[in-house]
Amino acid sequence: MASIIISRFNEDLSWLDHYKENFNITIYNKGSKLSKISSSNIISLPNVGRESHTWVHHIFNNYEKLDDKNIFLQGKIDDLNCMAYQNLDLYINDLKKSEFSSSRLGLLGPLHWSHNVGIEKDSRYYSDWKNNKIRKSSLGFRNFAKTLFPDIPIFVTTSYGGCFAVRKKAIQRNSKEFYGNLLSILDNHINPIEGHYLERLWCYMFTKNEYFLKSIKDVFKTKIELLFKIQ
């Protein structure tokens, strides 16, 4: 079977009922108490590190016993538009012919490697940034990425929203110690900027730039959709 791994704060997870017969479901709960959900494994975690901490925690603690196909999702996905498949079977369909699946890929280029990845200007995070509720980094995004991947190029395939699916063999190309190091970076603050960095690095972490051409096509697709939406 394939696994669905959920990072939950206070979201309603009733939408998972549709998948409980065909998937192993693990819910990492970082918020209010969650009632028992049938056929699901519920694990309480401290509210640290954003969903990046949840994904790394799951990988590190299940490294030798991961399912072949793993879908990592936030507790609410119906507000993510093109950044998450609403039908989770589409992730599995993708993984039949590839090692990584995201509903939409993107591309990091020279303008995307700013020290704070622009979150200090993002209305969603501006207040927390101003009030020091986001832990800052002395390294910055580019240098952080190079500590993990010394040969990382300037143009890098990325995915969005921290929602993706990946096969076990792609995860295990990195050592368990690699994930242990990431866990130690993420597990001591509610909102470390490294969590935002990793959101942009999952695809490269597991596949390097294998999906580079597809990411270019997806970038044009996204721009066209935005253009018609504006019009």
C-alpha atoms as a PDB file:
ATOM      1  CA  MET A   1       0.000   0.000   0.000  1.00  0.00           C
ATOM      2  CA  ALA A   2       0.906   3.645  -0.332  1.00  0.00           C
ATOM      3  CA  SER A   3       1.084   6.084   2.565  1.00  0.00           C
ATOM      4  CA  ILE A   4      -0.586   9.428   3.134  1.00  0.00           C
ATOM      5  CA  ILE A   5       1.289  11.533   5.658  1.00  0.00           C
ATOM      6  CA  ILE A   6      -0.592  14.544   7.031  1.00  0.00           C
ATOM      7  CA  SER A   7       0.763  17.542   8.914  1.00  0.00           C
ATOM      8  CA  ARG A   8      -2.207  18.838  10.886  1.00  0.00           C
ATOM      9  CA  PHE A   9      -2.735  21.826  13.165  1.00  0.00           C
ATOM     10  CA  ASN A  10      -6.486  22.408  13.644  1.00  0.00           C
ATOM     11  CA  GLU A  11      -7.845  21.399  10.235  1.00  0.00           C
ATOM     12  CA  ASP A  12     -10.901  19.215   9.668  1.00  0.00           C
ATOM     13  CA  LEU A  13      -9.636  15.923   8.230  1.00  0.00           C
ATOM     14  CA  SER A  14     -12.963  14.357   7.297  1.00  0.00           C
ATOM     15  CA  TRP A  15     -11.876  14.531   3.649  1.00  0.00           C
ATOM     16  CA  LEU A  16      -9.477  11.659   4.373  1.00  0.00           C
ATOM     17  CA  ASP A  17     -12.368   9.226   4.885  1.00  0.00           C
ATOM     18  CA  HIS A  18     -12.482   8.634   1.147  1.00  0.00           C
ATOM     19  CA  TYR A  19      -8.947   7.218   1.195  1.00  0.00           C
ATOM     20  CA  LYS A  20      -8.841   5.143   4.375  1.00  0.00           C
ATOM     21  CA  GLU A  21      -9.472   1.806   2.622  1.00  0.00           C
ATOM     22  CA  ASN A  22      -6.630   2.066   0.133  1.00  0.00           C
ATOM     23  CA  PHE A  23      -3.892   3.980   1.954  1.00  0.00           C
ATOM     24  CA  ASN A  24      -1.907   3.782   5.149  1.00  0.00           C
ATOM     25  CA  ILE A  25      -2.717   7.114   6.785  1.00  0.00           C
ATOM     26  CA  THR A  26      -0.448   8.736   9.356  1.00  0.00           C
ATOM     27  CA  ILE A  27      -1.577  12.014  10.914  1.00  0.00           C
ATOM     28  CA  TYR A  28       0.942  14.125  12.792  1.00  0.00           C
ATOM     29  CA  ASN A  29      -1.106  16.369  15.033  1.00  0.00           C
ATOM     30  CA  LYS A  30       0.510  19.642  16.116  1.00  0.00           C
ATOM     31  CA  GLY A  31      -2.620  21.392  17.321  1.00  0.00           C
ATOM     32  CA  SER A  32      -5.836  20.773  19.224  1.00  0.00           C
ATOM     33  CA  LYS A  33      -6.741  17.273  20.313  1.00  0.00           C
ATOM     34  CA  LEU A  34      -7.937  15.125  17.435  1.00  0.00           C
ATOM     35  CA  SER A  35     -10.671  12.537  17.781  1.00  0.00           C
ATOM     36  CA  LYS A  36      -9.832   9.028  16.683  1.00  0.00           C
ATOM     37  CA  ILE A  37     -10.038   8.619  12.918  1.00  0.00           C
ATOM     38  CA  SER A  38     -10.641   5.055  11.818  1.00  0.00           C
ATOM     39  CA  SER A  39      -7.785   3.315  10.030  1.00  0.00           C
ATOM     40  CA  SER A  40      -5.432   6.197  10.820  1.00  0.00           C
ATOM     41  CA  ASN A  41      -2.316   6.359  12.947  1.00  0.00           C
ATOM     42  CA  ILE A  42      -2.376   9.610  14.948  1.00  0.00           C
ATOM     43  CA  ILE A  43       0.901  10.866  16.396  1.00  0.00           C
ATOM     44  CA  SER A  44       1.182  14.033  18.492  1.00  0.00           C
ATOM     45  CA  LEU A  45       4.143  16.296  17.782  1.00  0.00           C
ATOM     46  CA  PRO A  46       5.184  19.650  19.229  1.00  0.00           C
ATOM     47  CA  ASN A  47       4.228  22.552  16.989  1.00  0.00           C
ATOM     48  CA  VAL A  48       7.680  23.260  15.597  1.00  0.00           C
ATOM     49  CA  GLY A  49       9.343  23.536  12.218  1.00  0.00           C
ATOM     50  CA  ARG A  50       6.255  23.918  10.005  1.00  0.00           C
ATOM     51  CA  GLU A  51       5.285  20.975   7.793  1.00  0.00           C
ATOM     52  CA  SER A  52       8.958  20.594   6.841  1.00  0.00           C
ATOM     53  CA  HIS A  53       9.654  19.283  10.345  1.00  0.00           C
ATOM     54  CA  THR A  54       6.763  16.820  10.003  1.00  0.00           C
ATOM     55  CA  TRP A  55       8.068  15.407   6.721  1.00  0.00           C
ATOM     56  CA  VAL A  56      11.631  15.061   7.991  1.00  0.00           C
ATOM     57  CA  HIS A  57      10.442  13.553  11.290  1.00  0.00           C
ATOM     58  CA  HIS A  58       8.434  10.926   9.402  1.00  0.00           C
ATOM     59  CA  ILE A  59      11.276  10.076   7.038  1.00  0.00           C
ATOM     60  CA  PHE A  60      13.904   9.878   9.769  1.00  0.00           C
ATOM     61  CA  ASN A  61      11.800   7.718  12.093  1.00  0.00           C
ATOM     62  CA  ASN A  62      10.566   5.385   9.344  1.00  0.00           C
ATOM     63  CA  TYR A  63      13.618   5.398   7.085  1.00  0.00           C
ATOM     64  CA  GLU A  64      14.012   1.607   6.912  1.00  0.00           C
ATOM     65  CA  LYS A  65      10.252   0.845   6.701  1.00  0.00           C
ATOM     66  CA  LEU A  66       8.860   3.495   4.378  1.00  0.00           C
ATOM     67  CA  ASP A  67       6.118   2.478   1.992  1.00  0.00           C
ATOM     68  CA  ASP A  68       7.126   2.521  -1.664  1.00  0.00           C
ATOM     69  CA  LYS A  69       4.833   5.489  -2.398  1.00  0.00           C
ATOM     70  CA  ASN A  70       4.457   8.364   0.061  1.00  0.00           C
ATOM     71  CA  ILE A  71       2.110  11.346  -0.232  1.00  0.00           C
ATOM     72  CA  PHE A  72       2.961  14.297   2.031  1.00  0.00           C
ATOM     73  CA  LEU A  73       0.098  16.767   2.529  1.00  0.00           C
ATOM     74  CA  GLN A  74      -1.003  19.595   4.764  1.00  0.00           C
ATOM     75  CA  GLY A  75      -4.215  19.177   6.764  1.00  0.00           C
ATOM     76  CA  LYS A  76      -6.116  21.431   4.368  1.00  0.00           C
ATOM     77  CA  ILE A  77      -5.520  21.206   0.644  1.00  0.00           C
ATOM     78  CA  ASP A  78      -8.694  22.585  -0.944  1.00  0.00           C
ATOM     79  CA  ASP A  79      -7.364  26.148  -0.629  1.00  0.00           C
ATOM     80  CA  LEU A  80      -4.080  25.464  -2.440  1.00  0.00           C
ATOM     81  CA  ASN A  81      -5.469  25.703  -5.976  1.00  0.00           C
ATOM     82  CA  CYS A  82      -2.952  24.259  -8.444  1.00  0.00           C
ATOM     83  CA  MET A  83      -0.404  23.526  -5.711  1.00  0.00           C
ATOM     84  CA  ALA A  84      -2.066  20.270  -4.603  1.00  0.00           C
ATOM     85  CA  TYR A  85      -4.063  17.574  -6.378  1.00  0.00           C
ATOM     86  CA  GLN A  86      -7.560  17.399  -4.918  1.00  0.00           C
ATOM     87  CA  ASN A  87      -7.780  13.765  -6.056  1.00  0.00           C
ATOM     88  CA  LEU A  88      -4.936  11.957  -4.299  1.00  0.00           C
ATOM     89  CA  ASP A  89      -5.066   9.085  -6.762  1.00  0.00           C
ATOM     90  CA  LEU A  90      -3.399  11.427  -9.249  1.00  0.00           C
ATOM     91  CA  TYR A  91      -0.236  11.376  -7.139  1.00  0.00           C
ATOM     92  CA  ILE A  92      -0.209   7.583  -7.338  1.00  0.00           C
ATOM     93  CA  ASN A  93      -0.795   7.669 -11.094  1.00  0.00           C
ATOM     94  CA  ASP A  94       2.224   9.956 -11.472  1.00  0.00           C
ATOM     95  CA  LEU A  95       4.389   7.668  -9.320  1.00  0.00           C
ATOM     96  CA  LYS A  96       3.689   4.732 -11.624  1.00  0.00           C
ATOM     97  CA  LYS A  97       6.016   6.369 -14.143  1.00  0.00           C
ATOM     98  CA  SER A  98       8.150   8.699 -12.032  1.00  0.00           C
ATOM     99  CA  GLU A  99       9.743   9.030  -8.596  1.00  0.00           C
ATOM    100  CA  PHE A 100       8.303  12.395  -7.602  1.00  0.00           C
ATOM    101  CA  SER A 101       4.912  13.988  -8.077  1.00  0.00           C
ATOM    102  CA  SER A 102       3.703  17.526  -7.554  1.00  0.00           C
ATOM    103  CA  SER A 103       0.522  18.932  -9.034  1.00  0.00           C
ATOM    104  CA  ARG A 104       2.527  21.844 -10.399  1.00  0.00           C
ATOM    105  CA  LEU A 105       6.274  22.371 -10.658  1.00  0.00           C
ATOM    106  CA  GLY A 106       8.134  25.654 -10.697  1.00  0.00           C
ATOM    107  CA  LEU A 107      11.621  26.929 -11.327  1.00  0.00           C
ATOM    108  CA  LEU A 108      14.044  28.715  -9.031  1.00  0.00           C
ATOM    109  CA  GLY A 109      16.351  31.127 -10.807  1.00  0.00           C
ATOM    110  CA  PRO A 110      18.792  33.927  -9.938  1.00  0.00           C
ATOM    111  CA  LEU A 111      16.032  36.157  -8.524  1.00  0.00           C
ATOM    112  CA  HIS A 112      14.693  33.468  -6.183  1.00  0.00           C
ATOM    113  CA  TRP A 113      17.735  32.953  -3.977  1.00  0.00           C
ATOM    114  CA  SER A 114      17.245  36.017  -1.782  1.00  0.00           C
ATOM    115  CA  HIS A 115      18.417  35.652   1.807  1.00  0.00           C
ATOM    116  CA  ASN A 116      14.897  35.412   3.273  1.00  0.00           C
ATOM    117  CA  VAL A 117      13.092  34.055   0.159  1.00  0.00           C
ATOM    118  CA  GLY A 118      10.963  37.194   0.178  1.00  0.00           C
ATOM    119  CA  ILE A 119       8.813  36.250   3.147  1.00  0.00           C
ATOM    120  CA  GLU A 120       9.641  39.552   4.869  1.00  0.00           C
ATOM    121  CA  LYS A 121       7.584  41.218   2.098  1.00  0.00           C
ATOM    122  CA  ASP A 122       4.810  38.608   1.998  1.00  0.00           C
ATOM    123  CA  SER A 123       1.539  39.809   3.569  1.00  0.00           C
ATOM    124  CA  ARG A 124       0.988  36.334   5.053  1.00  0.00           C
ATOM    125  CA  TYR A 125       4.182  36.536   7.077  1.00  0.00           C
ATOM    126  CA  TYR A 126       4.918  40.254   7.421  1.00  0.00           C
ATOM    127  CA  SER A 127       3.544  40.616  10.953  1.00  0.00           C
ATOM    128  CA  ASP A 128       5.360  37.527  12.257  1.00  0.00           C
ATOM    129  CA  TRP A 129       8.561  38.669  10.584  1.00  0.00           C
ATOM    130  CA  LYS A 130       8.327  42.143  12.038  1.00  0.00           C
ATOM    131  CA  ASN A 131       7.650  40.745  15.524  1.00  0.00           C
ATOM    132  CA  ASN A 132      10.486  38.187  15.350  1.00  0.00           C
ATOM    133  CA  LYS A 133       8.143  35.205  15.361  1.00  0.00           C
ATOM    134  CA  ILE A 134      10.028  33.734  12.415  1.00  0.00           C
ATOM    135  CA  ARG A 135      13.538  32.571  13.244  1.00  0.00           C
ATOM    136  CA  LYS A 136      16.017  34.192  10.901  1.00  0.00           C
ATOM    137  CA  SER A 137      19.129  32.589   9.428  1.00  0.00           C
ATOM    138  CA  SER A 138      22.656  33.924   9.186  1.00  0.00           C
ATOM    139  CA  LEU A 139      23.285  31.694   6.166  1.00  0.00           C
ATOM    140  CA  GLY A 140      20.479  32.750   3.861  1.00  0.00           C
ATOM    141  CA  PHE A 141      18.671  30.551   1.345  1.00  0.00           C
ATOM    142  CA  ARG A 142      21.448  30.030  -1.201  1.00  0.00           C
ATOM    143  CA  ASN A 143      24.148  29.208   1.339  1.00  0.00           C
ATOM    144  CA  PHE A 144      21.769  26.930   3.241  1.00  0.00           C
ATOM    145  CA  ALA A 145      21.040  25.027   0.024  1.00  0.00           C
ATOM    146  CA  LYS A 146      24.758  24.737  -0.737  1.00  0.00           C
ATOM    147  CA  THR A 147      25.470  23.241   2.692  1.00  0.00           C
ATOM    148  CA  LEU A 148      23.056  20.449   1.751  1.00  0.00           C
ATOM    149  CA  PHE A 149      23.943  20.192  -1.934  1.00  0.00           C
ATOM    150  CA  PRO A 150      27.367  21.727  -2.708  1.00  0.00           C
ATOM    151  CA  ASP A 151      26.870  21.433  -6.475  1.00  0.00           C
ATOM    152  CA  ILE A 152      23.333  22.824  -6.617  1.00  0.00           C
ATOM    153  CA  PRO A 153      22.937  24.948  -9.774  1.00  0.00           C
ATOM    154  CA  ILE A 154      21.392  28.406 -10.026  1.00  0.00           C
ATOM    155  CA  PHE A 155      18.339  27.091 -11.886  1.00  0.00           C
ATOM    156  CA  VAL A 156      16.527  24.476  -9.818  1.00  0.00           C
ATOM    157  CA  THR A 157      13.247  22.617 -10.217  1.00  0.00           C
ATOM    158  CA  THR A 158      10.929  23.325  -7.318  1.00  0.00           C
ATOM    159  CA  SER A 159       7.460  22.328  -6.113  1.00  0.00           C
ATOM    160  CA  TYR A 160       4.858  24.304  -4.228  1.00  0.00           C
ATOM    161  CA  GLY A 161       2.985  24.328  -0.939  1.00  0.00           C
ATOM    162  CA  GLY A 162       4.921  21.558   0.777  1.00  0.00           C
ATOM    163  CA  CYS A 163       2.586  19.008  -0.851  1.00  0.00           C
ATOM    164  CA  PHE A 164       4.099  16.238  -2.969  1.00  0.00           C
ATOM    165  CA  ALA A 165       4.481  12.493  -3.387  1.00  0.00           C
ATOM    166  CA  VAL A 166       7.743  10.594  -3.607  1.00  0.00           C
ATOM    167  CA  ARG A 167       8.924   7.028  -3.914  1.00  0.00           C
ATOM    168  CA  LYS A 168      10.981   5.365  -1.217  1.00  0.00           C
ATOM    169  CA  LYS A 169      14.056   4.858  -3.385  1.00  0.00           C
ATOM    170  CA  ALA A 170      14.238   8.600  -4.100  1.00  0.00           C
ATOM    171  CA  ILE A 171      14.039   9.385  -0.377  1.00  0.00           C
ATOM    172  CA  GLN A 172      16.737   6.837   0.417  1.00  0.00           C
ATOM    173  CA  ARG A 173      19.235   8.338  -2.015  1.00  0.00           C
ATOM    174  CA  ASN A 174      19.966  10.630   0.918  1.00  0.00           C
ATOM    175  CA  SER A 175      21.250   8.992   4.073  1.00  0.00           C
ATOM    176  CA  LYS A 176      19.322   8.726   7.309  1.00  0.00           C
ATOM    177  CA  GLU A 177      21.975  10.997   8.834  1.00  0.00           C
ATOM    178  CA  PHE A 178      21.117  13.646   6.217  1.00  0.00           C
ATOM    179  CA  TYR A 179      17.533  13.753   7.490  1.00  0.00           C
ATOM    180  CA  GLY A 180      18.690  13.639  11.102  1.00  0.00           C
ATOM    181  CA  ASN A 181      20.711  16.793  10.487  1.00  0.00           C
ATOM    182  CA  LEU A 182      17.670  18.541   9.015  1.00  0.00           C
ATOM    183  CA  LEU A 183      15.562  17.443  11.964  1.00  0.00           C
ATOM    184  CA  SER A 184      17.993  19.051  14.400  1.00  0.00           C
ATOM    185  CA  ILE A 185      17.674  22.346  12.503  1.00  0.00           C
ATOM    186  CA  LEU A 186      13.872  22.340  12.509  1.00  0.00           C
ATOM    187  CA  ASP A 187      12.886  20.906  15.885  1.00  0.00           C
ATOM    188  CA  ASN A 188      13.492  23.851  18.205  1.00  0.00           C
ATOM    189  CA  HIS A 189      11.379  26.728  16.833  1.00  0.00           C
ATOM    190  CA  ILE A 190       7.743  27.088  15.815  1.00  0.00           C
ATOM    191  CA  ASN A 191       8.590  28.889  12.580  1.00  0.00           C
ATOM    192  CA  PRO A 192      12.240  28.633  11.500  1.00  0.00           C
ATOM    193  CA  ILE A 193      13.006  30.182   8.151  1.00  0.00           C
ATOM    194  CA  GLU A 194      14.694  26.894   7.204  1.00  0.00           C
ATOM    195  CA  GLY A 195      11.191  25.420   6.998  1.00  0.00           C
ATOM    196  CA  HIS A 196      10.452  27.920   4.240  1.00  0.00           C
ATOM    197  CA  TYR A 197      13.763  27.092   2.556  1.00  0.00           C
ATOM    198  CA  LEU A 198      12.988  23.375   2.498  1.00  0.00           C
ATOM    199  CA  GLU A 199       9.544  23.968   1.023  1.00  0.00           C
ATOM    200  CA  ARG A 200      11.395  25.129  -2.079  1.00  0.00           C
ATOM    201  CA  LEU A 201      13.965  22.308  -2.076  1.00  0.00           C
ATOM    202  CA  TRP A 202      11.949  19.078  -1.803  1.00  0.00           C
ATOM    203  CA  CYS A 203      11.897  18.329  -5.514  1.00  0.00           C
ATOM    204  CA  TYR A 204      15.635  18.935  -5.891  1.00  0.00           C
ATOM    205  CA  MET A 205      16.363  16.965  -2.718  1.00  0.00           C
ATOM    206  CA  PHE A 206      14.761  13.834  -4.130  1.00  0.00           C
ATOM    207  CA  THR A 207      15.335  14.145  -7.886  1.00  0.00           C
ATOM    208  CA  LYS A 208      17.958  16.856  -8.455  1.00  0.00           C
ATOM    209  CA  ASN A 209      16.914  18.477 -11.784  1.00  0.00           C
ATOM    210  CA  GLU A 210      15.436  15.387 -13.415  1.00  0.00           C
ATOM    211  CA  TYR A 211      12.150  17.223 -14.046  1.00  0.00           C
ATOM    212  CA  PHE A 212      13.721  20.438 -15.282  1.00  0.00           C
ATOM    213  CA  LEU A 213      11.988  20.454 -18.681  1.00  0.00           C
ATOM    214  CA  LYS A 214       8.627  19.716 -17.109  1.00  0.00           C
ATOM    215  CA  SER A 215       9.158  22.569 -14.653  1.00  0.00           C
ATOM    216  CA  ILE A 216       9.668  24.994 -17.542  1.00  0.00           C
ATOM    217  CA  LYS A 217       6.405  23.823 -19.134  1.00  0.00           C
ATOM    218  CA  ASP A 218       4.603  24.179 -15.814  1.00  0.00           C
ATOM    219  CA  VAL A 219       5.945  27.712 -15.328  1.00  0.00           C
ATOM    220  CA  PHE A 220       4.462  28.761 -18.670  1.00  0.00           C
ATOM    221  CA  LYS A 221       1.217  26.984 -17.802  1.00  0.00           C
ATOM    222  CA  THR A 222       0.984  28.886 -14.517  1.00  0.00           C
ATOM    223  CA  LYS A 223       1.742  32.240 -16.163  1.00  0.00           C
ATOM    224  CA  ILE A 224      -0.926  31.649 -18.805  1.00  0.00           C
ATOM    225  CA  GLU A 225      -3.491  30.725 -16.161  1.00  0.00           C
ATOM    226  CA  LEU A 226      -2.662  33.868 -14.176  1.00  0.00           C
ATOM    227  CA  LEU A 227      -2.898  36.017 -17.309  1.00  0.00           C
ATOM    228  CA  PHE A 228      -6.376  34.767 -18.173  1.00  0.00           C
ATOM    229  CA  LYS A 229      -7.460  35.037 -14.535  1.00  0.00           C
ATOM    230  CA  ILE A 230      -6.413  38.705 -14.477  1.00  0.00           C
ATOM    231  CA  GLN A 231      -8.255  39.359 -17.718  1.00  0.00           C
END
